[in-house]
Amino acid sequence: MSLSFDASSLNPWVLDIGELVNLLVTDSQNQVVLQDEWFLNPWEHDGTRNIDGIPFRPSEVLTLVDLIMGPADDVPPALAGSSAGGVGLNWYPIAFKGSPSGVYLVTTKPDANYDADGDSATSGLVGAGLRKDITPWAITPSLLTPISPWLR
């Protein structure tokens, strides 16, 4: 027996995470259905559904990151005018004790088209603008999808 309720009754984060792992499904009447069979195999090792399928849904993952992290910059102020403002990147500042830390979560934009023919979704941590006299930056991969360039 499946439980259903109105989608507006859920926090958007809860709904997005539930849909990402295939625990919740929203129907055409904006009703959310709890997939009770999900609990029989939450991993679903065929690689396309449930928790195991997350790497195959990069657009949904990046949309969730965007919802959680808030508005992103196209390029952080510390790197304005540098090559860091790559097309298709979102820069999310990470604060430390309420102040800018100089560390950013950088992701491809969630609205990009991802497919097995070569488009990839990536994210990483970047230290930028940590010193006032130099502005080095480097990206360290933190999310690798099956179509990420680091896995080719």
N, C-alpha and C. Protein backbone atom coordinates (compact mmCIF):
# COMPACT_ATOMS: atom_id res chain seq x y z
N MET A 1 0.84 -1.17 0.00
CA MET A 1 0.00 0.00 0.00
C MET A 1 0.89 1.25 0.00
N SER A 2 0.66 2.13 -0.96
CA SER A 2 1.45 3.35 -1.07
C SER A 2 0.73 4.51 -0.41
N LEU A 3 1.50 5.37 0.18
CA LEU A 3 0.98 6.56 0.84
C LEU A 3 1.13 7.73 -0.13
N SER A 4 0.10 8.58 -0.25
CA SER A 4 0.22 9.75 -1.11
C SER A 4 -0.26 10.99 -0.36
N PHE A 5 0.30 12.14 -0.75
CA PHE A 5 -0.03 13.41 -0.11
C PHE A 5 0.30 14.53 -1.07
N ASP A 6 -0.15 15.74 -0.77
CA ASP A 6 0.07 16.89 -1.63
C ASP A 6 1.54 17.31 -1.60
N ALA A 7 2.09 17.59 -2.78
CA ALA A 7 3.51 17.96 -2.89
C ALA A 7 3.83 19.24 -2.12
N SER A 8 2.87 20.15 -2.03
CA SER A 8 3.12 21.42 -1.33
C SER A 8 3.30 21.24 0.17
N SER A 9 2.97 20.06 0.69
CA SER A 9 3.12 19.82 2.12
C SER A 9 4.55 19.44 2.51
N LEU A 10 5.41 19.26 1.52
CA LEU A 10 6.80 18.87 1.79
C LEU A 10 7.76 20.03 1.56
N ASN A 11 8.82 20.06 2.35
CA ASN A 11 9.92 20.97 2.12
C ASN A 11 10.51 20.63 0.75
N PRO A 12 10.83 21.62 -0.09
CA PRO A 12 11.38 21.32 -1.42
C PRO A 12 12.63 20.44 -1.38
N TRP A 13 13.47 20.59 -0.37
CA TRP A 13 14.67 19.75 -0.25
C TRP A 13 14.28 18.29 -0.07
N VAL A 14 13.30 18.05 0.80
CA VAL A 14 12.86 16.68 1.07
C VAL A 14 12.29 16.06 -0.20
N LEU A 15 11.46 16.84 -0.91
CA LEU A 15 10.87 16.34 -2.14
C LEU A 15 11.95 16.03 -3.18
N ASP A 16 12.90 16.94 -3.37
CA ASP A 16 13.95 16.72 -4.37
C ASP A 16 14.84 15.53 -4.02
N ILE A 17 15.20 15.40 -2.75
CA ILE A 17 16.02 14.25 -2.34
C ILE A 17 15.23 12.96 -2.51
N GLY A 18 13.97 12.95 -2.12
CA GLY A 18 13.12 11.77 -2.28
C GLY A 18 12.96 11.36 -3.74
N GLU A 19 12.81 12.36 -4.63
CA GLU A 19 12.70 12.04 -6.05
C GLU A 19 14.04 11.59 -6.62
N LEU A 20 15.13 12.17 -6.13
CA LEU A 20 16.46 11.79 -6.61
C LEU A 20 16.75 10.31 -6.36
N VAL A 21 16.36 9.80 -5.21
CA VAL A 21 16.62 8.39 -4.88
C VAL A 21 15.44 7.49 -5.22
N ASN A 22 14.42 8.06 -5.88
CA ASN A 22 13.25 7.31 -6.33
C ASN A 22 12.36 6.81 -5.19
N LEU A 23 12.47 7.44 -4.02
CA LEU A 23 11.59 7.10 -2.90
C LEU A 23 10.24 7.78 -3.06
N LEU A 24 10.24 8.98 -3.63
CA LEU A 24 9.02 9.75 -3.85
C LEU A 24 8.84 9.99 -5.34
N VAL A 25 7.58 9.92 -5.79
CA VAL A 25 7.25 10.20 -7.19
C VAL A 25 6.07 11.15 -7.19
N THR A 26 6.18 12.24 -7.97
CA THR A 26 5.10 13.21 -8.07
C THR A 26 4.29 12.90 -9.32
N ASP A 27 2.96 12.80 -9.16
CA ASP A 27 2.11 12.51 -10.31
C ASP A 27 1.58 13.79 -10.94
N SER A 28 0.75 13.67 -11.96
CA SER A 28 0.26 14.83 -12.71
C SER A 28 -0.67 15.73 -11.90
N GLN A 29 -1.25 15.24 -10.82
CA GLN A 29 -2.12 16.06 -9.96
C GLN A 29 -1.35 16.68 -8.80
N ASN A 30 -0.02 16.71 -8.88
CA ASN A 30 0.85 17.28 -7.84
C ASN A 30 0.73 16.51 -6.52
N GLN A 31 0.42 15.22 -6.63
CA GLN A 31 0.38 14.35 -5.48
C GLN A 31 1.69 13.57 -5.42
N VAL A 32 2.26 13.47 -4.23
CA VAL A 32 3.50 12.72 -4.03
C VAL A 32 3.14 11.34 -3.54
N VAL A 33 3.71 10.34 -4.17
CA VAL A 33 3.47 8.95 -3.78
C VAL A 33 4.75 8.39 -3.18
N LEU A 34 4.65 7.86 -1.98
CA LEU A 34 5.76 7.19 -1.32
C LEU A 34 5.85 5.78 -1.90
N GLN A 35 6.98 5.45 -2.52
CA GLN A 35 7.18 4.15 -3.14
C GLN A 35 7.56 3.13 -2.07
N ASP A 36 6.58 2.42 -1.52
CA ASP A 36 6.88 1.50 -0.43
C ASP A 36 7.77 0.34 -0.84
N GLU A 37 7.75 -0.05 -2.12
CA GLU A 37 8.63 -1.13 -2.58
C GLU A 37 10.10 -0.70 -2.58
N TRP A 38 10.35 0.60 -2.49
CA TRP A 38 11.71 1.13 -2.43
C TRP A 38 12.47 0.50 -1.26
N PHE A 39 11.79 0.27 -0.15
CA PHE A 39 12.43 -0.25 1.05
C PHE A 39 12.89 -1.70 0.90
N LEU A 40 12.38 -2.41 -0.11
CA LEU A 40 12.83 -3.77 -0.36
C LEU A 40 14.25 -3.80 -0.92
N ASN A 41 14.61 -2.77 -1.69
CA ASN A 41 15.95 -2.69 -2.27
C ASN A 41 16.26 -1.22 -2.55
N PRO A 42 16.68 -0.47 -1.54
CA PRO A 42 16.94 0.96 -1.76
C PRO A 42 18.10 1.24 -2.70
N TRP A 43 18.99 0.27 -2.89
CA TRP A 43 20.15 0.50 -3.77
C TRP A 43 19.84 0.21 -5.21
N GLU A 44 19.01 -0.79 -5.49
CA GLU A 44 18.63 -1.17 -6.86
C GLU A 44 19.85 -1.23 -7.76
N HIS A 45 20.60 -2.28 -7.67
CA HIS A 45 21.91 -2.38 -8.30
C HIS A 45 21.91 -2.46 -9.82
N ASP A 46 20.80 -2.14 -10.48
CA ASP A 46 20.85 -2.12 -11.94
C ASP A 46 21.41 -0.79 -12.45
N GLY A 47 21.71 0.13 -11.56
CA GLY A 47 22.37 1.37 -11.93
C GLY A 47 21.48 2.44 -12.52
N THR A 48 20.18 2.24 -12.51
CA THR A 48 19.32 3.24 -13.12
C THR A 48 18.30 3.83 -12.16
N ARG A 49 18.10 3.22 -11.02
CA ARG A 49 17.06 3.69 -10.11
C ARG A 49 17.60 3.76 -8.69
N ASN A 50 16.81 4.33 -7.82
CA ASN A 50 17.10 4.42 -6.41
C ASN A 50 18.48 5.04 -6.15
N ILE A 51 19.10 4.68 -5.05
CA ILE A 51 20.36 5.32 -4.66
C ILE A 51 21.47 5.02 -5.66
N ASP A 52 21.51 3.80 -6.17
CA ASP A 52 22.56 3.40 -7.10
C ASP A 52 22.53 4.20 -8.40
N GLY A 53 21.38 4.76 -8.74
CA GLY A 53 21.25 5.48 -10.00
C GLY A 53 21.57 6.96 -9.93
N ILE A 54 21.94 7.47 -8.75
CA ILE A 54 22.21 8.91 -8.61
C ILE A 54 23.26 9.40 -9.61
N PRO A 55 24.38 8.71 -9.81
CA PRO A 55 25.37 9.21 -10.77
C PRO A 55 24.85 9.33 -12.20
N PHE A 56 23.76 8.66 -12.51
CA PHE A 56 23.19 8.70 -13.85
C PHE A 56 22.16 9.83 -14.00
N ARG A 57 21.97 10.61 -12.94
CA ARG A 57 21.01 11.72 -12.96
C ARG A 57 21.70 13.02 -12.54
N PRO A 58 22.74 13.44 -13.27
CA PRO A 58 23.51 14.62 -12.84
C PRO A 58 22.70 15.90 -12.80
N SER A 59 21.76 16.06 -13.71
CA SER A 59 20.98 17.29 -13.71
C SER A 59 20.18 17.43 -12.42
N GLU A 60 19.60 16.33 -11.94
CA GLU A 60 18.84 16.36 -10.70
C GLU A 60 19.74 16.64 -9.51
N VAL A 61 20.94 16.04 -9.50
CA VAL A 61 21.89 16.27 -8.40
C VAL A 61 22.29 17.74 -8.35
N LEU A 62 22.62 18.31 -9.51
CA LEU A 62 23.06 19.71 -9.54
C LEU A 62 21.93 20.68 -9.23
N THR A 63 20.70 20.33 -9.59
CA THR A 63 19.56 21.16 -9.22
C THR A 63 19.39 21.17 -7.71
N LEU A 64 19.58 20.02 -7.08
CA LEU A 64 19.50 19.93 -5.62
C LEU A 64 20.62 20.73 -4.96
N VAL A 65 21.83 20.64 -5.49
CA VAL A 65 22.95 21.43 -4.96
C VAL A 65 22.62 22.92 -5.05
N ASP A 66 22.05 23.34 -6.17
CA ASP A 66 21.68 24.74 -6.37
C ASP A 66 20.62 25.16 -5.35
N LEU A 67 19.67 24.30 -5.07
CA LEU A 67 18.63 24.60 -4.08
C LEU A 67 19.21 24.73 -2.68
N ILE A 68 20.13 23.83 -2.33
CA ILE A 68 20.71 23.83 -0.99
C ILE A 68 21.71 24.95 -0.80
N MET A 69 22.57 25.19 -1.78
CA MET A 69 23.65 26.16 -1.63
C MET A 69 23.20 27.60 -1.86
N GLY A 70 22.07 27.79 -2.51
CA GLY A 70 21.59 29.15 -2.76
C GLY A 70 22.14 29.70 -4.06
N PRO A 71 21.98 31.00 -4.25
CA PRO A 71 22.40 31.58 -5.53
C PRO A 71 23.90 31.44 -5.76
N ALA A 72 24.24 31.13 -6.99
CA ALA A 72 25.65 30.94 -7.37
C ALA A 72 26.15 32.15 -8.14
N ASP A 73 27.46 32.33 -8.12
CA ASP A 73 28.11 33.36 -8.92
C ASP A 73 28.61 32.72 -10.21
N ASP A 74 28.68 33.52 -11.28
CA ASP A 74 29.32 33.03 -12.50
C ASP A 74 30.83 32.94 -12.32
N VAL A 75 31.38 33.86 -11.54
CA VAL A 75 32.80 33.85 -11.19
C VAL A 75 32.92 34.61 -9.87
N PRO A 76 33.72 34.12 -8.93
CA PRO A 76 33.83 34.84 -7.65
C PRO A 76 34.57 36.16 -7.82
N PRO A 77 34.25 37.16 -6.99
CA PRO A 77 34.91 38.46 -7.11
C PRO A 77 36.43 38.37 -7.06
N ALA A 78 36.97 37.44 -6.27
CA ALA A 78 38.43 37.32 -6.14
C ALA A 78 39.09 36.90 -7.45
N LEU A 79 38.32 36.31 -8.36
CA LEU A 79 38.89 35.82 -9.61
C LEU A 79 38.37 36.57 -10.82
N ALA A 80 37.73 37.71 -10.62
CA ALA A 80 37.21 38.48 -11.74
C ALA A 80 38.35 38.81 -12.70
N GLY A 81 38.11 38.61 -13.97
CA GLY A 81 39.13 38.89 -14.98
C GLY A 81 40.09 37.75 -15.24
N SER A 82 39.95 36.65 -14.51
CA SER A 82 40.84 35.50 -14.74
C SER A 82 40.14 34.48 -15.63
N SER A 83 40.81 33.38 -15.89
CA SER A 83 40.21 32.32 -16.71
C SER A 83 39.24 31.46 -15.92
N ALA A 84 39.00 31.79 -14.66
CA ALA A 84 38.14 30.95 -13.81
C ALA A 84 36.68 31.04 -14.19
N GLY A 85 36.30 32.08 -14.89
CA GLY A 85 34.89 32.23 -15.24
C GLY A 85 34.51 31.40 -16.44
N GLY A 86 34.81 30.12 -16.38
CA GLY A 86 34.51 29.23 -17.48
C GLY A 86 33.03 29.17 -17.77
N VAL A 87 32.68 29.06 -19.01
CA VAL A 87 31.29 28.99 -19.41
C VAL A 87 30.67 27.73 -18.81
N GLY A 88 29.51 27.89 -18.25
CA GLY A 88 28.79 26.75 -17.71
C GLY A 88 29.15 26.35 -16.30
N LEU A 89 29.80 27.24 -15.53
CA LEU A 89 30.15 26.91 -14.15
C LEU A 89 29.36 27.76 -13.17
N ASN A 90 28.96 27.14 -12.08
CA ASN A 90 28.36 27.85 -10.95
C ASN A 90 29.37 27.82 -9.81
N TRP A 91 29.59 28.98 -9.18
CA TRP A 91 30.52 29.12 -8.05
C TRP A 91 29.69 29.41 -6.81
N TYR A 92 29.69 28.48 -5.85
CA TYR A 92 28.95 28.66 -4.59
C TYR A 92 29.95 28.97 -3.48
N PRO A 93 29.89 30.16 -2.90
CA PRO A 93 30.82 30.48 -1.82
C PRO A 93 30.50 29.68 -0.56
N ILE A 94 31.55 29.22 0.10
CA ILE A 94 31.39 28.50 1.37
C ILE A 94 31.90 29.42 2.47
N ALA A 95 31.02 29.77 3.38
CA ALA A 95 31.37 30.68 4.47
C ALA A 95 31.96 29.92 5.65
N PHE A 96 32.79 30.61 6.41
CA PHE A 96 33.34 30.07 7.65
C PHE A 96 33.05 31.07 8.74
N LYS A 97 32.27 30.67 9.71
CA LYS A 97 31.87 31.55 10.82
C LYS A 97 31.25 32.85 10.31
N GLY A 98 30.43 32.72 9.26
CA GLY A 98 29.72 33.86 8.72
C GLY A 98 30.49 34.76 7.79
N SER A 99 31.75 34.47 7.53
CA SER A 99 32.58 35.29 6.65
C SER A 99 33.04 34.46 5.45
N PRO A 100 33.36 35.13 4.33
CA PRO A 100 33.87 34.39 3.17
C PRO A 100 35.14 33.61 3.52
N SER A 101 35.20 32.38 3.08
CA SER A 101 36.36 31.54 3.40
C SER A 101 37.38 31.50 2.27
N GLY A 102 36.96 31.92 1.08
CA GLY A 102 37.85 31.79 -0.08
C GLY A 102 37.76 30.41 -0.71
N VAL A 103 36.86 29.58 -0.20
CA VAL A 103 36.65 28.24 -0.74
C VAL A 103 35.28 28.22 -1.40
N TYR A 104 35.21 27.61 -2.57
CA TYR A 104 33.97 27.56 -3.34
C TYR A 104 33.68 26.13 -3.76
N LEU A 105 32.39 25.81 -3.82
CA LEU A 105 31.95 24.60 -4.48
C LEU A 105 31.64 25.03 -5.92
N VAL A 106 32.29 24.41 -6.86
CA VAL A 106 32.11 24.76 -8.27
C VAL A 106 31.47 23.58 -8.98
N THR A 107 30.40 23.87 -9.70
CA THR A 107 29.70 22.81 -10.43
C THR A 107 29.38 23.28 -11.85
N THR A 108 29.12 22.33 -12.70
CA THR A 108 28.54 22.69 -13.98
C THR A 108 27.10 23.13 -13.70
N LYS A 109 26.53 23.89 -14.60
CA LYS A 109 25.19 24.41 -14.38
C LYS A 109 24.16 23.27 -14.47
N PRO A 110 23.14 23.30 -13.59
CA PRO A 110 22.16 22.20 -13.60
C PRO A 110 21.31 22.15 -14.85
N ASP A 111 21.24 23.24 -15.60
CA ASP A 111 20.40 23.25 -16.80
C ASP A 111 21.14 22.77 -18.05
N ALA A 112 22.37 22.34 -17.88
CA ALA A 112 23.13 21.83 -19.03
C ALA A 112 22.53 20.51 -19.50
N ASN A 113 22.79 20.18 -20.76
CA ASN A 113 22.32 18.90 -21.30
C ASN A 113 23.40 17.85 -21.07
N TYR A 114 23.03 16.78 -20.39
CA TYR A 114 23.99 15.72 -20.10
C TYR A 114 23.58 14.47 -20.87
N ASP A 115 24.55 13.85 -21.50
CA ASP A 115 24.27 12.60 -22.18
C ASP A 115 25.56 11.79 -22.27
N ALA A 116 25.40 10.56 -22.68
CA ALA A 116 26.55 9.66 -22.75
C ALA A 116 27.47 9.96 -23.93
N ASP A 117 27.09 10.91 -24.79
CA ASP A 117 27.91 11.23 -25.95
C ASP A 117 29.03 12.20 -25.65
N GLY A 118 29.20 12.61 -24.39
CA GLY A 118 30.34 13.45 -24.10
C GLY A 118 30.09 14.58 -23.13
N ASP A 119 28.85 15.01 -22.94
CA ASP A 119 28.61 16.05 -21.95
C ASP A 119 28.80 15.44 -20.57
N SER A 120 29.37 16.21 -19.66
CA SER A 120 29.63 15.66 -18.35
C SER A 120 29.19 16.64 -17.27
N ALA A 121 28.92 16.10 -16.12
CA ALA A 121 28.60 16.90 -14.95
C ALA A 121 29.74 16.74 -13.97
N THR A 122 30.27 17.84 -13.51
CA THR A 122 31.37 17.78 -12.56
C THR A 122 31.15 18.80 -11.47
N SER A 123 31.78 18.56 -10.37
CA SER A 123 31.83 19.55 -9.30
C SER A 123 33.16 19.38 -8.60
N GLY A 124 33.53 20.41 -7.86
CA GLY A 124 34.79 20.34 -7.14
C GLY A 124 34.90 21.46 -6.15
N LEU A 125 35.91 21.38 -5.33
CA LEU A 125 36.20 22.43 -4.36
C LEU A 125 37.35 23.26 -4.89
N VAL A 126 37.22 24.57 -4.75
CA VAL A 126 38.23 25.48 -5.25
C VAL A 126 38.60 26.46 -4.15
N GLY A 127 39.89 26.64 -3.94
CA GLY A 127 40.37 27.70 -3.07
C GLY A 127 40.76 28.86 -3.96
N ALA A 128 40.15 30.01 -3.74
CA ALA A 128 40.41 31.17 -4.59
C ALA A 128 40.40 32.44 -3.75
N GLY A 129 41.35 33.32 -4.01
CA GLY A 129 41.37 34.58 -3.29
C GLY A 129 41.73 34.44 -1.83
N LEU A 130 42.49 33.39 -1.50
CA LEU A 130 42.87 33.18 -0.11
C LEU A 130 43.95 34.16 0.33
N ARG A 131 44.68 34.70 -0.63
CA ARG A 131 45.70 35.72 -0.34
C ARG A 131 45.42 36.93 -1.21
N LYS A 132 45.73 38.09 -0.71
CA LYS A 132 45.44 39.31 -1.45
C LYS A 132 46.45 39.60 -2.55
N ASP A 133 47.68 39.10 -2.43
CA ASP A 133 48.71 39.43 -3.41
C ASP A 133 48.73 38.51 -4.62
N ILE A 134 48.16 37.30 -4.50
CA ILE A 134 48.09 36.39 -5.64
C ILE A 134 46.70 35.76 -5.66
N THR A 135 46.28 35.33 -6.83
CA THR A 135 44.96 34.71 -6.95
C THR A 135 45.05 33.35 -7.65
N PRO A 136 45.77 32.40 -7.05
CA PRO A 136 45.80 31.07 -7.67
C PRO A 136 44.47 30.37 -7.41
N TRP A 137 44.15 29.44 -8.27
CA TRP A 137 42.97 28.61 -8.05
C TRP A 137 43.18 27.27 -8.72
N ALA A 138 42.57 26.27 -8.17
CA ALA A 138 42.63 24.92 -8.73
C ALA A 138 41.36 24.20 -8.31
N ILE A 139 40.92 23.29 -9.13
CA ILE A 139 39.70 22.53 -8.82
C ILE A 139 40.07 21.10 -8.48
N THR A 140 39.45 20.59 -7.43
CA THR A 140 39.63 19.21 -7.00
C THR A 140 38.29 18.50 -7.21
N PRO A 141 38.23 17.47 -8.03
CA PRO A 141 36.95 16.81 -8.29
C PRO A 141 36.34 16.25 -7.01
N SER A 142 35.02 16.46 -6.85
CA SER A 142 34.34 15.89 -5.70
C SER A 142 33.11 15.08 -6.11
N LEU A 143 32.58 15.31 -7.31
CA LEU A 143 31.45 14.54 -7.80
C LEU A 143 31.83 14.01 -9.17
N LEU A 144 31.88 12.72 -9.30
CA LEU A 144 32.19 12.13 -10.58
C LEU A 144 30.99 11.33 -11.04
N THR A 145 30.50 11.66 -12.21
CA THR A 145 29.41 10.89 -12.78
C THR A 145 30.00 9.95 -13.82
N PRO A 146 29.25 8.96 -14.27
CA PRO A 146 29.81 8.02 -15.25
C PRO A 146 30.31 8.71 -16.52
N ILE A 147 29.89 9.94 -16.75
CA ILE A 147 30.31 10.63 -17.95
C ILE A 147 31.22 11.82 -17.64
N SER A 148 31.81 11.84 -16.44
CA SER A 148 32.74 12.91 -16.07
C SER A 148 34.05 12.74 -16.82
N PRO A 149 34.71 13.86 -17.16
CA PRO A 149 35.96 13.74 -17.90
C PRO A 149 37.04 12.97 -17.16
N TRP A 150 37.00 12.96 -15.83
CA TRP A 150 38.03 12.25 -15.06
C TRP A 150 37.88 10.74 -15.16
N LEU A 151 36.76 10.26 -15.69
CA LEU A 151 36.56 8.81 -15.81
C LEU A 151 36.72 8.33 -17.24
N ARG A 152 37.10 9.23 -18.12
CA ARG A 152 37.25 8.82 -19.54
C ARG A 152 38.61 8.24 -19.80
